[in-house]
C-alpha cells in the first residue's frame, strides 16, 4: 500500500513488538547502569586493585540508591524491590559502608 501525499502516516507497532530485547534493555536501564558500574569495580578487584574496586562497587550501590530515590516507580525497573524508603536506606547505607571500609583499611 502506498502512502498518499497529505494522508495519515501508517501506524507503526510499538517498540516492544518490533524489538523486544532492545525494549527490555531500555526499560531496565537503571539496573543495567548499576550492573556496569559494579562490573568495573569487579574488574579492578580482579586486576589486584581491590581498594579502588571496592570504592567503585560502593559507588554503584550509592548510584542505585540515588536512582531509586529520584526516578518515578515506573522507571526504576528491577531496582524497586521493596518500598522506596527501605530500598534507598539499605542500598545507600551499604554503599557508604563499603566505601568507608575500603578507605579505612590502611595500605600495606
N, C-alpha and C. Protein backbone atom coordinates (compact mmCIF):
# COMPACT_ATOMS: atom_id res chain seq x y z
N UNK A 1 0.83 -1.16 0.00
CA UNK A 1 0.00 0.00 0.00
C UNK A 1 0.88 1.24 0.00
N UNK A 2 0.66 2.14 -0.89
CA UNK A 2 1.47 3.35 -0.95
C UNK A 2 0.79 4.46 -0.15
N UNK A 3 1.59 5.33 0.36
CA UNK A 3 1.09 6.44 1.16
C UNK A 3 0.79 7.60 0.23
N UNK A 4 -0.38 8.15 0.36
CA UNK A 4 -0.75 9.31 -0.44
C UNK A 4 -0.18 10.57 0.18
N UNK A 5 0.09 11.55 -0.66
CA UNK A 5 0.59 12.83 -0.17
C UNK A 5 -0.50 13.48 0.69
N UNK A 6 -0.12 13.87 1.89
CA UNK A 6 -1.07 14.55 2.76
C UNK A 6 -1.93 13.61 3.58
N UNK A 7 -1.84 12.31 3.33
CA UNK A 7 -2.65 11.36 4.08
C UNK A 7 -2.01 11.05 5.43
N UNK A 8 -2.74 10.34 6.29
CA UNK A 8 -2.17 10.00 7.60
C UNK A 8 -1.03 8.99 7.47
N UNK A 9 -0.09 9.10 8.37
CA UNK A 9 1.05 8.18 8.37
C UNK A 9 0.59 6.79 8.81
N UNK A 10 1.18 5.75 8.22
CA UNK A 10 0.78 4.40 8.63
C UNK A 10 1.19 4.15 10.08
N UNK A 11 0.39 3.36 10.78
CA UNK A 11 0.65 3.04 12.19
C UNK A 11 1.86 2.12 12.30
N UNK A 12 2.79 2.45 13.20
CA UNK A 12 3.94 1.60 13.48
C UNK A 12 3.65 0.82 14.75
N UNK A 13 4.01 -0.44 14.77
CA UNK A 13 3.83 -1.18 16.02
C UNK A 13 4.77 -0.64 17.09
N UNK A 14 4.41 -0.80 18.36
CA UNK A 14 5.27 -0.29 19.43
C UNK A 14 6.63 -1.00 19.46
N UNK A 15 7.58 -0.35 20.14
CA UNK A 15 8.95 -0.85 20.18
C UNK A 15 9.03 -2.25 20.79
N UNK A 16 8.23 -2.52 21.82
CA UNK A 16 8.30 -3.83 22.46
C UNK A 16 7.85 -4.96 21.54
N UNK A 17 7.12 -4.63 20.48
CA UNK A 17 6.75 -5.65 19.49
C UNK A 17 7.78 -5.74 18.37
N UNK A 18 8.35 -4.59 18.00
CA UNK A 18 9.34 -4.59 16.92
C UNK A 18 10.68 -5.13 17.39
N UNK A 19 11.16 -4.69 18.52
CA UNK A 19 12.47 -5.09 19.05
C UNK A 19 12.34 -5.35 20.55
N UNK A 20 11.87 -6.54 20.92
CA UNK A 20 11.61 -6.80 22.35
C UNK A 20 12.86 -6.77 23.21
N UNK A 21 14.00 -7.22 22.71
CA UNK A 21 15.22 -7.22 23.52
C UNK A 21 15.67 -5.79 23.81
N UNK A 22 15.66 -4.94 22.80
CA UNK A 22 16.02 -3.54 22.98
C UNK A 22 15.05 -2.85 23.93
N UNK A 23 13.77 -3.12 23.79
CA UNK A 23 12.77 -2.52 24.68
C UNK A 23 13.00 -2.95 26.12
N UNK A 24 13.38 -4.21 26.32
CA UNK A 24 13.66 -4.68 27.67
C UNK A 24 14.86 -3.99 28.28
N UNK A 25 15.92 -3.81 27.49
CA UNK A 25 17.09 -3.10 27.99
C UNK A 25 16.77 -1.64 28.32
N UNK A 26 15.98 -1.00 27.48
CA UNK A 26 15.62 0.39 27.74
C UNK A 26 14.75 0.52 28.98
N UNK A 27 13.89 -0.47 29.21
CA UNK A 27 13.05 -0.44 30.40
C UNK A 27 13.87 -0.62 31.67
N UNK A 28 14.96 -1.36 31.58
CA UNK A 28 15.77 -1.68 32.75
C UNK A 28 17.08 -0.92 32.78
N UNK A 29 17.17 0.25 32.16
CA UNK A 29 18.44 0.97 32.09
C UNK A 29 19.00 1.34 33.46
N UNK A 30 18.20 1.66 34.48
CA UNK A 30 18.83 1.96 35.78
C UNK A 30 19.59 0.77 36.35
N UNK A 31 18.99 -0.41 36.28
CA UNK A 31 19.66 -1.60 36.78
C UNK A 31 20.89 -1.92 35.93
N UNK A 32 20.78 -1.77 34.63
CA UNK A 32 21.91 -2.02 33.74
C UNK A 32 23.09 -1.09 34.05
N UNK A 33 22.79 0.18 34.34
CA UNK A 33 23.85 1.14 34.69
C UNK A 33 24.55 0.72 35.98
N UNK A 34 23.78 0.30 36.97
CA UNK A 34 24.38 -0.13 38.24
C UNK A 34 25.22 -1.38 38.05
N UNK A 35 24.75 -2.31 37.23
CA UNK A 35 25.50 -3.55 36.98
C UNK A 35 26.81 -3.24 36.25
N UNK A 36 26.78 -2.32 35.31
CA UNK A 36 28.00 -1.96 34.58
C UNK A 36 29.02 -1.32 35.53
N UNK A 37 28.56 -0.42 36.40
CA UNK A 37 29.48 0.21 37.36
C UNK A 37 30.07 -0.84 38.30
N UNK A 38 29.22 -1.73 38.81
CA UNK A 38 29.71 -2.78 39.71
C UNK A 38 30.67 -3.71 38.97
N UNK A 39 30.42 -3.97 37.69
CA UNK A 39 31.32 -4.80 36.89
C UNK A 39 32.69 -4.17 36.73
N UNK A 40 32.73 -2.86 36.57
CA UNK A 40 34.01 -2.16 36.50
C UNK A 40 34.76 -2.34 37.82
N UNK A 41 34.03 -2.25 38.93
CA UNK A 41 34.64 -2.47 40.23
C UNK A 41 35.19 -3.88 40.38
N UNK A 42 34.45 -4.86 39.90
CA UNK A 42 34.92 -6.24 39.96
C UNK A 42 36.16 -6.45 39.10
N UNK A 43 36.21 -5.80 37.94
CA UNK A 43 37.41 -5.88 37.10
C UNK A 43 38.62 -5.28 37.80
N UNK A 44 38.41 -4.19 38.53
CA UNK A 44 39.51 -3.60 39.28
C UNK A 44 39.99 -4.54 40.38
N UNK A 45 39.04 -5.18 41.07
CA UNK A 45 39.42 -6.14 42.12
C UNK A 45 40.19 -7.30 41.50
N UNK A 46 39.72 -7.79 40.36
CA UNK A 46 40.41 -8.90 39.69
C UNK A 46 41.80 -8.49 39.20
N UNK A 47 41.97 -7.21 38.91
CA UNK A 47 43.27 -6.70 38.47
C UNK A 47 44.16 -6.30 39.62
N UNK A 48 43.88 -6.80 40.82
CA UNK A 48 44.70 -6.58 42.01
C UNK A 48 44.70 -5.12 42.47
N UNK A 49 43.63 -4.42 42.19
CA UNK A 49 43.44 -3.06 42.71
C UNK A 49 42.17 -3.08 43.54
N UNK A 50 42.20 -3.87 44.63
CA UNK A 50 40.99 -4.15 45.40
C UNK A 50 40.40 -2.92 46.07
N UNK A 51 41.23 -2.02 46.54
CA UNK A 51 40.70 -0.84 47.23
C UNK A 51 39.88 0.03 46.27
N UNK A 52 40.44 0.31 45.09
CA UNK A 52 39.71 1.11 44.10
C UNK A 52 38.46 0.37 43.63
N UNK A 53 38.57 -0.95 43.47
CA UNK A 53 37.42 -1.74 43.04
C UNK A 53 36.28 -1.72 44.04
N UNK A 54 36.61 -1.81 45.34
CA UNK A 54 35.57 -1.76 46.36
C UNK A 54 34.94 -0.39 46.45
N UNK A 55 35.72 0.65 46.23
CA UNK A 55 35.16 2.00 46.22
C UNK A 55 34.19 2.15 45.05
N UNK A 56 34.56 1.65 43.89
CA UNK A 56 33.68 1.73 42.72
C UNK A 56 32.40 0.92 42.96
N UNK A 57 32.51 -0.26 43.56
CA UNK A 57 31.32 -1.06 43.85
C UNK A 57 30.43 -0.37 44.88
N UNK A 58 31.04 0.28 45.87
CA UNK A 58 30.25 1.06 46.82
C UNK A 58 29.54 2.22 46.15
N UNK A 59 30.23 2.86 45.21
CA UNK A 59 29.59 3.95 44.47
C UNK A 59 28.46 3.43 43.57
N UNK A 60 28.57 2.20 43.10
CA UNK A 60 27.47 1.60 42.33
C UNK A 60 26.23 1.45 43.22
N UNK A 61 26.43 1.06 44.48
CA UNK A 61 25.29 0.95 45.40
C UNK A 61 24.70 2.32 45.71
N UNK A 62 25.55 3.32 45.88
CA UNK A 62 25.05 4.68 46.13
C UNK A 62 24.30 5.19 44.90
N UNK A 63 24.79 4.87 43.71
CA UNK A 63 24.09 5.23 42.48
C UNK A 63 22.73 4.56 42.41
N UNK A 64 22.66 3.29 42.81
CA UNK A 64 21.37 2.59 42.83
C UNK A 64 20.41 3.28 43.78
N UNK A 65 20.89 3.71 44.94
CA UNK A 65 20.03 4.40 45.90
C UNK A 65 19.55 5.73 45.32
N UNK A 66 20.45 6.46 44.67
CA UNK A 66 20.07 7.75 44.09
C UNK A 66 19.05 7.58 42.96
N UNK A 67 19.27 6.58 42.12
CA UNK A 67 18.30 6.34 41.03
C UNK A 67 16.95 5.93 41.58
N UNK A 68 16.97 5.10 42.62
CA UNK A 68 15.71 4.66 43.24
C UNK A 68 14.98 5.83 43.86
N UNK A 69 15.73 6.77 44.41
CA UNK A 69 15.12 7.94 45.05
C UNK A 69 14.58 8.93 44.02
N UNK A 70 15.31 9.15 42.94
CA UNK A 70 14.98 10.22 42.01
C UNK A 70 14.02 9.82 40.89
N UNK A 71 14.06 8.56 40.47
CA UNK A 71 13.21 8.14 39.36
C UNK A 71 11.82 7.76 39.83
N UNK A 72 10.80 7.99 38.99
CA UNK A 72 9.46 7.52 39.36
C UNK A 72 9.41 5.99 39.32
N UNK A 73 8.44 5.44 40.02
CA UNK A 73 8.36 3.98 40.18
C UNK A 73 8.31 3.25 38.83
N UNK A 74 7.63 3.79 37.85
CA UNK A 74 7.51 3.08 36.57
C UNK A 74 8.83 3.08 35.79
N UNK A 75 9.79 3.91 36.18
CA UNK A 75 11.09 3.97 35.50
C UNK A 75 12.20 3.23 36.23
N UNK A 76 11.98 2.81 37.47
CA UNK A 76 13.07 2.20 38.23
C UNK A 76 13.31 0.75 37.85
N UNK A 77 12.35 0.09 37.26
CA UNK A 77 12.54 -1.30 36.85
C UNK A 77 12.80 -2.19 38.04
N UNK A 78 13.79 -3.08 37.92
CA UNK A 78 14.08 -4.05 38.97
C UNK A 78 14.86 -3.45 40.13
N UNK A 79 15.17 -2.17 40.11
CA UNK A 79 15.75 -1.54 41.30
C UNK A 79 14.72 -1.41 42.41
N UNK A 80 13.45 -1.44 42.04
CA UNK A 80 12.38 -1.35 43.02
C UNK A 80 12.06 -2.75 43.52
N UNK A 81 12.57 -3.07 44.72
CA UNK A 81 12.34 -4.39 45.30
C UNK A 81 11.38 -4.28 46.46
N UNK A 82 11.60 -3.32 47.33
CA UNK A 82 10.76 -3.09 48.49
C UNK A 82 10.17 -1.69 48.37
N UNK A 83 9.77 -1.12 49.49
CA UNK A 83 9.30 0.27 49.45
C UNK A 83 10.48 1.18 49.14
N UNK A 84 10.19 2.37 48.67
CA UNK A 84 11.26 3.29 48.29
C UNK A 84 12.17 3.62 49.46
N UNK A 85 11.60 3.87 50.63
CA UNK A 85 12.42 4.20 51.80
C UNK A 85 13.38 3.08 52.14
N UNK A 86 12.89 1.86 52.14
CA UNK A 86 13.73 0.72 52.51
C UNK A 86 14.82 0.51 51.46
N UNK A 87 14.46 0.57 50.19
CA UNK A 87 15.45 0.40 49.12
C UNK A 87 16.56 1.45 49.21
N UNK A 88 16.18 2.70 49.37
CA UNK A 88 17.17 3.78 49.42
C UNK A 88 18.03 3.65 50.67
N UNK A 89 17.41 3.35 51.81
CA UNK A 89 18.17 3.25 53.05
C UNK A 89 19.16 2.08 52.99
N UNK A 90 18.72 0.92 52.55
CA UNK A 90 19.60 -0.25 52.54
C UNK A 90 20.73 -0.11 51.53
N UNK A 91 20.41 0.26 50.30
CA UNK A 91 21.47 0.36 49.29
C UNK A 91 22.39 1.53 49.56
N UNK A 92 21.85 2.64 50.02
CA UNK A 92 22.69 3.80 50.33
C UNK A 92 23.63 3.53 51.49
N UNK A 93 23.10 2.94 52.57
CA UNK A 93 23.95 2.63 53.73
C UNK A 93 24.99 1.57 53.39
N UNK A 94 24.60 0.56 52.62
CA UNK A 94 25.57 -0.47 52.23
C UNK A 94 26.68 0.13 51.36
N UNK A 95 26.33 1.02 50.45
CA UNK A 95 27.33 1.66 49.59
C UNK A 95 28.28 2.53 50.38
N UNK A 96 27.74 3.34 51.28
CA UNK A 96 28.59 4.21 52.10
C UNK A 96 29.48 3.37 53.01
N UNK A 97 28.93 2.30 53.60
CA UNK A 97 29.73 1.43 54.47
C UNK A 97 30.85 0.75 53.70
N UNK A 98 30.57 0.30 52.48
CA UNK A 98 31.59 -0.36 51.67
C UNK A 98 32.72 0.60 51.32
N UNK A 99 32.37 1.82 50.94
CA UNK A 99 33.39 2.83 50.62
C UNK A 99 34.19 3.17 51.87
N UNK A 100 33.51 3.35 53.00
CA UNK A 100 34.21 3.71 54.24
C UNK A 100 35.17 2.61 54.68
N UNK A 101 34.73 1.35 54.59
CA UNK A 101 35.61 0.25 54.99
C UNK A 101 36.81 0.12 54.06
N UNK A 102 36.57 0.29 52.77
CA UNK A 102 37.67 0.19 51.82
C UNK A 102 38.71 1.28 52.04
N UNK A 103 38.25 2.46 52.39
CA UNK A 103 39.18 3.57 52.60
C UNK A 103 39.80 3.55 54.00
N UNK A 104 39.16 2.87 54.95
CA UNK A 104 39.66 2.85 56.33
C UNK A 104 40.78 1.84 56.53
N UNK A 105 40.85 0.83 55.69
CA UNK A 105 41.91 -0.18 55.85
C UNK A 105 43.23 0.45 55.42
N UNK A 106 44.19 0.45 56.32
CA UNK A 106 45.47 1.10 55.96
C UNK A 106 46.20 0.35 54.86
N UNK A 107 46.82 1.06 53.94
CA UNK A 107 47.58 0.38 52.88
C UNK A 107 48.79 -0.35 53.47
N UNK A 108 49.09 -1.49 52.89
CA UNK A 108 50.22 -2.27 53.43
C UNK A 108 51.47 -2.09 52.59
